[in-house]
C-alpha atoms as a PDB file:
ATOM      1  CA  MET A   1    -115.902 179.912 -46.978  1.00  0.00           C
ATOM      2  CA  ILE A   2    -115.928 177.100 -47.704  1.00  0.00           C
ATOM      3  CA  THR A   3    -112.200 176.179 -47.624  1.00  0.00           C
ATOM      4  CA  VAL A   4    -111.714 178.490 -44.600  1.00  0.00           C
ATOM      5  CA  ILE A   5    -114.546 175.529 -42.122  1.00  0.00           C
ATOM      6  CA  VAL A   6    -111.938 173.035 -43.715  1.00  0.00           C
ATOM      7  CA  ALA A   7    -109.095 174.510 -42.126  1.00  0.00           C
ATOM      8  CA  ASP A   8    -111.133 175.493 -38.385  1.00  0.00           C
ATOM      9  CA  THR A   9    -111.671 171.994 -38.618  1.00  0.00           C
ATOM     10  CA  LEU A  10    -108.106 170.425 -39.316  1.00  0.00           C
ATOM     11  CA  LYS A  11    -107.585 173.248 -35.711  1.00  0.00           C
ATOM     12  CA  ASN A  12    -110.517 171.623 -33.687  1.00  0.00           C
ATOM     13  CA  SER A  13    -111.502 167.998 -34.591  1.00  0.00           C
ATOM     14  CA  SER A  14    -114.588 168.474 -33.425  1.00  0.00           C
ATOM     15  CA  ASN A  15    -116.368 170.643 -36.580  1.00  0.00           C
ATOM     16  CA  THR A  16    -115.166 167.286 -38.102  1.00  0.00           C
ATOM     17  CA  LEU A  17    -118.883 166.543 -38.359  1.00  0.00           C
ATOM     18  CA  PHE A  18    -120.664 169.588 -39.077  1.00  0.00           C
ATOM     19  CA  THR A  19    -117.556 169.780 -41.889  1.00  0.00           C
ATOM     20  CA  LEU A  20    -118.890 166.244 -43.738  1.00  0.00           C
ATOM     21  CA  SER A  21    -122.298 166.916 -43.807  1.00  0.00           C
ATOM     22  CA  PHE A  22    -121.613 170.915 -44.582  1.00  0.00           C
ATOM     23  CA  LYS A  23    -120.187 168.958 -47.867  1.00  0.00           C
ATOM     24  CA  LYS A  24    -122.804 166.164 -48.483  1.00  0.00           C
ATOM     25  CA  PHE A  25    -125.327 168.481 -48.395  1.00  0.00           C
ATOM     26  CA  GLY A  26    -123.263 170.784 -51.163  1.00  0.00           C
ATOM     27  CA  ILE A  27    -123.473 168.402 -53.402  1.00  0.00           C
ATOM     28  CA  ILE A  28    -126.803 167.522 -53.109  1.00  0.00           C
ATOM     29  CA  ILE A  29    -127.776 170.943 -53.907  1.00  0.00           C
ATOM     30  CA  ILE A  30    -125.584 170.717 -57.485  1.00  0.00           C
ATOM     31  CA  LEU A  31    -127.166 167.783 -57.841  1.00  0.00           C
ATOM     32  CA  LEU A  32    -130.584 169.094 -57.879  1.00  0.00           C
ATOM     33  CA  LEU A  33    -129.074 172.292 -59.968  1.00  0.00           C
ATOM     34  CA  ALA A  34    -127.811 169.798 -62.419  1.00  0.00           C
ATOM     35  CA  VAL A  35    -131.002 168.132 -62.292  1.00  0.00           C
ATOM     36  CA  ALA A  36    -132.770 171.077 -62.618  1.00  0.00           C
ATOM     37  CA  ILE A  37    -131.131 172.507 -65.396  1.00  0.00           C
ATOM     38  CA  SER A  38    -131.040 169.868 -67.030  1.00  0.00           C
ATOM     39  CA  VAL A  39    -135.274 169.912 -66.923  1.00  0.00           C
ATOM     40  CA  ALA A  40    -134.887 173.207 -68.420  1.00  0.00           C
ATOM     41  CA  LEU A  41    -133.807 172.375 -70.908  1.00  0.00           C
ATOM     42  CA  MET A  42    -135.388 169.508 -72.259  1.00  0.00           C
ATOM     43  CA  SER A  43    -138.840 171.826 -71.429  1.00  0.00           C
ATOM     44  CA  ARG A  44    -138.098 174.417 -73.464  1.00  0.00           C
ATOM     45  CA  SER A  45    -136.994 172.801 -76.384  1.00  0.00           C
ATOM     46  CA  ARG A  46    -140.524 170.652 -76.249  1.00  0.00           C
ATOM     47  CA  GLU A  47    -141.903 173.707 -75.528  1.00  0.00           C
ATOM     48  CA  SER A  48    -139.577 175.951 -79.291  1.00  0.00           C
ATOM     49  CA  GLY A  49    -142.048 173.282 -81.277  1.00  0.00           C
ATOM     50  CA  HIS A  50    -138.669 172.856 -83.527  1.00  0.00           C
ATOM     51  CA  SER A  51    -139.044 170.523 -85.882  1.00  0.00           C
ATOM     52  CA  TYR A  52    -137.887 169.575 -89.100  1.00  0.00           C
ATOM     53  CA  ILE A  53    -141.423 170.163 -90.533  1.00  0.00           C
ATOM     54  CA  THR A  54    -141.175 174.325 -89.308  1.00  0.00           C
ATOM     55  CA  ASP A  55    -137.523 173.641 -91.228  1.00  0.00           C
ATOM     56  CA  GLN A  56    -139.351 172.729 -94.081  1.00  0.00           C
ATOM     57  CA  VAL A  57    -142.272 175.212 -93.972  1.00  0.00           C
ATOM     58  CA  LYS A  58    -139.678 178.031 -93.185  1.00  0.00           C
ATOM     59  CA  THR A  59    -137.510 177.220 -96.454  1.00  0.00           C
ATOM     60  CA  GLU A  60    -140.537 177.028 -98.118  1.00  0.00           C
ATOM     61  CA  VAL A  61    -141.916 180.359 -97.393  1.00  0.00           C
ATOM     62  CA  GLN A  62    -138.545 182.034 -98.806  1.00  0.00           C
ATOM     63  CA  ILE A  63    -138.610 180.284-101.831  1.00  0.00           C
ATOM     64  CA  THR A  64    -142.495 180.850-102.400  1.00  0.00           C
ATOM     65  CA  GLY A  65    -143.383 183.744-100.508  1.00  0.00           C
ATOM     66  CA  ARG A  66    -146.537 181.314 -99.242  1.00  0.00           C
ATOM     67  CA  ASP A  67    -148.219 181.989 -95.573  1.00  0.00           C
ATOM     68  CA  PRO A  68    -146.938 179.377 -93.472  1.00  0.00           C
ATOM     69  CA  CYS A  69    -150.256 178.089 -92.713  1.00  0.00           C
ATOM     70  CA  ASP A  70    -151.449 177.404 -96.739  1.00  0.00           C
ATOM     71  CA  ILE A  71    -148.690 175.016 -97.222  1.00  0.00           C
ATOM     72  CA  LEU A  72    -149.477 173.301 -93.704  1.00  0.00           C
ATOM     73  CA  SER A  73    -153.509 172.625 -94.703  1.00  0.00           C
ATOM     74  CA  GLU A  74    -152.088 171.754 -97.804  1.00  0.00           C
ATOM     75  CA  TRP A  75    -150.163 169.211 -96.840  1.00  0.00           C
ATOM     76  CA  LEU A  76    -152.026 168.162 -93.206  1.00  0.00           C
ATOM     77  CA  ALA A  77    -154.182 166.942 -96.133  1.00  0.00           C
ATOM     78  CA  ASP A  78    -151.361 164.509 -97.762  1.00  0.00           C
ATOM     79  CA  ALA A  79    -150.850 163.328 -94.999  1.00  0.00           C
ATOM     80  CA  LYS A  80    -154.518 162.611 -93.847  1.00  0.00           C
ATOM     81  CA  SER A  81    -155.512 161.415 -97.094  1.00  0.00           C
ATOM     82  CA  GLU A  82    -152.493 158.713 -96.933  1.00  0.00           C
ATOM     83  CA  GLU A  83    -153.447 158.009 -93.854  1.00  0.00           C
ATOM     84  CA  ASP A  84    -149.935 158.389 -92.286  1.00  0.00           C
ATOM     85  CA  THR A  85    -150.880 159.740 -88.045  1.00  0.00           C
ATOM     86  CA  GLN A  86    -147.357 160.116 -86.988  1.00  0.00           C
ATOM     87  CA  LEU A  87    -147.370 162.243 -89.518  1.00  0.00           C
ATOM     88  CA  VAL A  88    -150.744 164.527 -89.738  1.00  0.00           C
ATOM     89  CA  GLN A  89    -150.061 164.819 -85.748  1.00  0.00           C
ATOM     90  CA  LYS A  90    -146.098 166.315 -86.108  1.00  0.00           C
ATOM     91  CA  ILE A  91    -147.990 168.846 -88.765  1.00  0.00           C
ATOM     92  CA  LYS A  92    -151.051 169.470 -86.221  1.00  0.00           C
ATOM     93  CA  GLN A  93    -147.083 170.376 -83.691  1.00  0.00           C
ATOM     94  CA  ALA A  94    -146.015 172.795 -87.099  1.00  0.00           C
ATOM     95  CA  GLN A  95    -149.583 174.555 -87.079  1.00  0.00           C
ATOM     96  CA  LYS A  96    -149.087 175.449 -83.053  1.00  0.00           C
ATOM     97  CA  TYR A  97    -145.984 176.169 -83.804  1.00  0.00           C
ATOM     98  CA  PHE A  98    -147.329 178.784 -86.184  1.00  0.00           C
ATOM     99  CA  GLU A  99    -150.341 179.815 -84.251  1.00  0.00           C
ATOM    100  CA  CYS A 100    -152.473 178.867 -87.540  1.00  0.00           C
ATOM    101  CA  ARG A 101    -154.326 175.646 -85.634  1.00  0.00           C
ATOM    102  CA  ASN A 102    -157.480 177.724 -84.269  1.00  0.00           C
ATOM    103  CA  ARG A 103    -156.939 180.900 -85.690  1.00  0.00           C
ATOM    104  CA  GLN A 104    -160.461 182.145 -85.434  1.00  0.00           C
ATOM    105  CA  LYS A 105    -161.317 181.102 -81.362  1.00  0.00           C
ATOM    106  CA  ARG A 106    -157.903 183.075 -80.767  1.00  0.00           C
ATOM    107  CA  GLN A 107    -158.907 186.127 -82.433  1.00  0.00           C
ATOM    108  CA  GLY A 108    -162.208 185.629 -81.297  1.00  0.00           C
ATOM    109  CA  GLY A 109    -163.782 185.510 -84.494  1.00  0.00           C
END
């Protein structure tokens, strides 16, 4: 479709303005799509909850066969005793990923 408009533009100089505005509009659409895709990819990575802590928990679950919530609660207690606030927040995020936080609230009990 764009090539047809360009070919018509070469024949009629009156369509030149329309073709230029159409090209600018197409570039704007492409830029908006690129931004939308990058935002979608960034938001998906945040929502996935994937982190080095979740990887470590998955590995320990495979080795020991323990519940990931039990492992994370132990790690959280250790991080709190060491007063490592950044690690505490990361462990809480991992607990949310594994659905360990507020388990009673979600189960209605």
